[in-house]
Amino acid sequence: MASKKLPSINIDLNALFEDAADQFRGLNPNEPGQWPLLPRLAAFAAVVVAVVAVGWFLLLSDVQTNLDAERGREPALKEDFRNKLAQAINLPELRKQKSQVEEYVTQLEKQLPGKAEMDALLSDINQAGLGRGLQFELFRPGQIVVKDYYAELPIALRVSGSYHDVGAFTADVSNLSRIVTLHNLSVVAPTGRDADSGHLSMEATARTYRYLDPTEVAEQKRAAAKAKGAKP
């Protein structure tokens, strides 16, 4: 049986290119609907590419910017997650430490007198000096300075007595049940007729502190909020 030969197909590429080029010649831009098929397909493809490009720059570029910003936040978020995970793991220990700190703060607050106890504290300071045989030349409470959670009362002191009595007085003041601190200490020897008396003169500013009652705390908070709201 003789094999059957397939018909040969000859494609003239030059003729195809020439035909395609002819379709793009003499096109009327005002009447694209009358263009040949190939120019219309090419115009359609160009419009699609232009729409995609414009959509990318107008829509997707913002999305890409946001994506880059979120990627930039990723290391900080991971670090924050690690810190919070460590806190969660150590939560019982942290609660125990918090309780210990609260107990310590409560103990410190107990060393601060209230408004009604300030007179008794001033009397204790005075008695500490008299008990050591010191002569008070000046004992003048100053203006109360109100802080965020406590009030501070400065007291100008000037006492005279022997070296050991002055030293014992400062120790007694530091050992009072309430917090009293001495500042700007100045100890001088007597001059003139009292030069041989063996007495010293000590000047200092004693500062004692008291806690604010709930009414004063509320007033402080209102004043702070008002000052914050008044800032430009």
Protein backbone atom coordinates (compact mmCIF):
# COMPACT_ATOMS: atom_id res chain seq x y z
CA MET A 1 0.00 0.00 0.00
CA ALA A 2 1.55 3.24 -1.06
CA SER A 3 1.92 5.94 1.59
CA LYS A 4 -0.06 9.08 1.13
CA LYS A 5 1.90 12.35 0.95
CA LEU A 6 0.71 15.26 3.11
CA PRO A 7 0.17 18.46 1.22
CA SER A 8 2.96 20.97 1.83
CA ILE A 9 2.03 24.30 3.39
CA ASN A 10 4.03 27.29 2.31
CA ILE A 11 3.65 30.41 4.41
CA ASP A 12 4.96 33.62 3.01
CA LEU A 13 5.97 35.55 6.15
CA ASN A 14 6.93 38.60 4.18
CA ALA A 15 3.47 38.75 2.71
CA LEU A 16 1.91 38.40 6.16
CA PHE A 17 4.04 41.19 7.60
CA GLU A 18 3.31 43.35 4.59
CA ASP A 19 -0.42 42.73 4.98
CA ALA A 20 -0.27 43.58 8.67
CA ALA A 21 1.65 46.76 7.91
CA ASP A 22 -0.90 47.73 5.28
CA GLN A 23 -3.64 47.51 7.92
CA PHE A 24 -1.89 50.17 10.01
CA ARG A 25 -1.44 52.57 7.10
CA GLY A 26 -3.82 55.43 6.56
CA LEU A 27 -5.83 54.92 9.75
CA ASN A 28 -8.32 57.64 10.57
CA PRO A 29 -8.03 58.35 14.33
CA ASN A 30 -11.52 59.90 14.33
CA GLU A 31 -13.16 56.66 13.16
CA PRO A 32 -11.53 53.75 15.03
CA GLY A 33 -14.61 51.63 14.45
CA GLN A 34 -13.75 51.41 10.78
CA TRP A 35 -10.18 50.24 11.38
CA PRO A 36 -9.15 46.77 10.24
CA LEU A 37 -9.14 43.95 12.77
CA LEU A 38 -5.43 44.01 13.64
CA PRO A 39 -5.24 47.75 14.52
CA ARG A 40 -8.40 47.42 16.59
CA LEU A 41 -6.90 44.51 18.55
CA ALA A 42 -3.69 46.43 19.05
CA ALA A 43 -5.60 49.50 20.25
CA PHE A 44 -7.63 47.34 22.66
CA ALA A 45 -4.45 45.78 24.08
CA ALA A 46 -2.90 49.24 24.54
CA VAL A 47 -5.99 50.46 26.40
CA VAL A 48 -5.92 47.40 28.69
CA VAL A 49 -2.24 47.96 29.49
CA ALA A 50 -2.88 51.66 30.17
CA VAL A 51 -5.81 50.89 32.49
CA VAL A 52 -3.76 48.31 34.42
CA ALA A 53 -0.85 50.75 34.76
CA VAL A 54 -3.08 53.58 35.97
CA GLY A 55 -4.84 51.23 38.40
CA TRP A 56 -1.49 50.15 39.79
CA PHE A 57 -0.25 53.67 40.41
CA LEU A 58 -3.54 55.00 41.76
CA LEU A 59 -4.72 52.04 43.83
CA LEU A 60 -2.09 49.41 44.36
CA SER A 61 0.76 51.83 45.09
CA ASP A 62 -0.99 52.92 48.34
CA VAL A 63 -1.55 49.31 49.25
CA GLN A 64 2.12 48.57 48.66
CA THR A 65 3.10 51.53 50.83
CA ASN A 66 0.89 50.28 53.66
CA LEU A 67 2.28 46.79 53.24
CA ASP A 68 5.85 48.08 53.51
CA ALA A 69 4.91 50.07 56.61
CA GLU A 70 3.40 47.00 58.26
CA ARG A 71 6.47 44.96 57.38
CA GLY A 72 8.57 47.65 59.04
CA ARG A 73 6.49 47.29 62.22
CA GLU A 74 6.95 43.55 62.31
CA PRO A 75 10.27 43.49 64.29
CA ALA A 76 8.88 45.85 66.96
CA LEU A 77 5.69 43.80 67.24
CA LYS A 78 7.70 40.60 67.60
CA GLU A 79 9.82 42.16 70.35
CA ASP A 80 6.69 43.42 72.11
CA PHE A 81 5.18 39.94 71.85
CA ARG A 82 8.30 38.39 73.39
CA ASN A 83 8.19 40.87 76.29
CA LYS A 84 4.52 40.24 76.95
CA LEU A 85 5.04 36.50 76.69
CA ALA A 86 7.82 36.73 79.29
CA GLN A 87 5.51 38.76 81.53
CA ALA A 88 2.72 36.23 81.09
CA ILE A 89 5.06 33.39 82.00
CA ASN A 90 6.31 35.30 85.07
CA LEU A 91 2.87 36.65 86.01
CA PRO A 92 2.67 34.92 89.43
CA GLU A 93 6.11 36.26 90.38
CA LEU A 94 5.22 39.75 89.12
CA ARG A 95 2.03 39.73 91.17
CA LYS A 96 4.03 38.71 94.22
CA GLN A 97 6.48 41.58 93.63
CA LYS A 98 3.59 43.99 93.15
CA SER A 99 2.11 42.90 96.46
CA GLN A 100 5.48 43.39 98.18
CA VAL A 101 5.85 46.88 96.71
CA GLU A 102 2.33 47.82 97.82
CA GLU A 103 3.13 46.64 101.36
CA TYR A 104 6.34 48.67 101.32
CA VAL A 105 4.48 51.78 100.13
CA THR A 106 1.91 51.27 102.88
CA GLN A 107 4.69 51.10 105.47
CA LEU A 108 6.19 54.32 104.12
CA GLU A 109 2.80 56.05 104.17
CA LYS A 110 2.43 55.12 107.82
CA GLN A 111 5.58 57.14 108.50
CA LEU A 112 3.92 60.23 107.04
CA PRO A 113 1.67 62.06 109.47
CA GLY A 114 -1.72 63.35 108.51
CA LYS A 115 -2.80 66.97 108.68
CA ALA A 116 -4.09 66.53 112.24
CA GLU A 117 -0.78 64.99 113.43
CA MET A 118 1.52 67.79 112.22
CA ASP A 119 1.30 69.75 115.47
CA ALA A 120 2.29 66.68 117.46
CA LEU A 121 5.25 66.09 115.15
CA LEU A 122 6.44 69.67 115.55
CA SER A 123 6.21 69.18 119.29
CA ASP A 124 8.27 65.97 119.01
CA ILE A 125 11.06 67.84 117.19
CA ASN A 126 11.02 70.56 119.82
CA GLN A 127 11.07 68.04 122.65
CA ALA A 128 13.99 66.19 121.01
CA GLY A 129 16.07 69.37 121.29
CA LEU A 130 14.95 70.28 124.80
CA GLY A 131 15.57 66.71 125.94
CA ARG A 132 19.20 67.12 124.94
CA GLY A 133 19.51 70.39 126.78
CA LEU A 134 19.74 72.51 123.64
CA GLN A 135 18.73 76.14 123.50
CA PHE A 136 16.31 76.92 120.66
CA GLU A 137 17.16 80.27 119.16
CA LEU A 138 14.90 79.75 116.15
CA PHE A 139 12.06 77.34 115.44
CA ARG A 140 9.97 78.69 112.54
CA PRO A 141 7.75 76.48 110.38
CA GLY A 142 7.59 77.71 106.78
CA GLN A 143 5.03 77.57 104.02
CA ILE A 144 3.66 74.13 103.21
CA VAL A 145 4.60 72.95 99.71
CA VAL A 146 2.01 70.60 98.20
CA LYS A 147 3.35 67.95 95.82
CA ASP A 148 1.45 65.35 93.80
CA TYR A 149 0.76 62.92 96.64
CA TYR A 150 2.26 64.52 99.72
CA ALA A 151 2.90 67.88 101.38
CA GLU A 152 6.27 69.14 102.57
CA LEU A 153 6.73 71.47 105.56
CA PRO A 154 10.12 73.18 105.98
CA ILE A 155 11.14 74.31 109.47
CA ALA A 156 13.98 76.78 110.03
CA LEU A 157 16.04 75.71 113.07
CA ARG A 158 18.83 77.29 115.06
CA VAL A 159 19.94 75.59 118.27
CA SER A 160 22.96 75.93 120.51
CA GLY A 161 24.56 73.45 122.84
CA SER A 162 27.52 71.17 123.30
CA TYR A 163 28.99 69.21 120.43
CA HIS A 164 27.72 65.88 121.74
CA ASP A 165 24.24 67.25 122.48
CA VAL A 166 23.92 68.71 118.99
CA GLY A 167 25.00 65.39 117.47
CA ALA A 168 22.57 63.46 119.68
CA PHE A 169 19.76 65.83 118.67
CA THR A 170 20.30 65.18 114.97
CA ALA A 171 20.29 61.42 115.68
CA ASP A 172 17.08 61.72 117.68
CA VAL A 173 15.42 63.61 114.83
CA SER A 174 16.42 60.92 112.32
CA ASN A 175 15.00 58.24 114.63
CA LEU A 176 11.58 59.83 115.03
CA SER A 177 8.67 57.58 114.08
CA ARG A 178 7.75 60.08 111.37
CA ILE A 179 10.02 61.07 108.49
CA VAL A 180 12.05 64.21 109.23
CA THR A 181 15.13 65.17 107.22
CA LEU A 182 17.73 67.86 107.95
CA HIS A 183 19.11 70.03 105.15
CA ASN A 184 21.64 72.85 104.79
CA LEU A 185 23.34 72.04 108.08
CA SER A 186 25.73 74.69 109.33
CA VAL A 187 27.62 74.31 112.62
CA VAL A 188 29.72 77.21 113.90
CA ALA A 189 31.72 77.80 117.04
CA PRO A 190 30.78 80.74 119.28
CA THR A 191 32.81 83.91 119.27
CA GLY A 192 33.34 86.74 121.69
CA ARG A 193 32.39 86.22 125.32
CA ASP A 194 30.94 82.75 124.59
CA ALA A 195 34.10 81.50 122.87
CA ASP A 196 35.13 79.45 125.94
CA SER A 197 31.68 78.06 126.68
CA GLY A 198 32.20 74.96 124.56
CA HIS A 199 28.81 75.42 122.94
CA LEU A 200 28.18 75.24 119.21
CA SER A 201 25.46 76.85 117.15
CA MET A 202 23.73 74.76 114.49
CA GLU A 203 21.46 76.10 111.78
CA ALA A 204 19.46 73.76 109.56
CA THR A 205 16.23 73.35 107.68
CA ALA A 206 14.18 70.41 108.91
CA ARG A 207 11.71 69.06 106.42
CA THR A 208 8.84 66.90 107.44
CA TYR A 209 6.23 65.38 105.19
CA ARG A 210 2.58 64.42 105.47
CA TYR A 211 0.25 62.56 103.16
CA LEU A 212 -2.61 64.34 101.45
CA ASP A 213 -6.13 63.49 102.50
CA PRO A 214 -8.59 62.34 99.78
CA THR A 215 -10.00 65.86 99.38
CA GLU A 216 -6.54 67.32 98.77
CA VAL A 217 -5.67 64.52 96.33
CA ALA A 218 -8.86 65.24 94.36
CA GLU A 219 -8.00 68.96 94.30
CA GLN A 220 -4.50 68.17 93.03
CA LYS A 221 -5.90 66.02 90.25
CA ARG A 222 -8.37 68.70 89.23
CA ALA A 223 -5.63 71.35 89.21
CA ALA A 224 -3.35 69.10 87.11
CA ALA A 225 -6.16 68.39 84.63
CA LYS A 226 -6.99 72.09 84.41
CA ALA A 227 -3.35 73.02 83.86
CA LYS A 228 -3.03 70.35 81.18
CA GLY A 229 -6.16 71.60 79.42
CA ALA A 230 -4.90 75.19 79.51
CA LYS A 231 -1.73 74.33 77.59
CA PRO A 232 -1.86 75.39 73.90
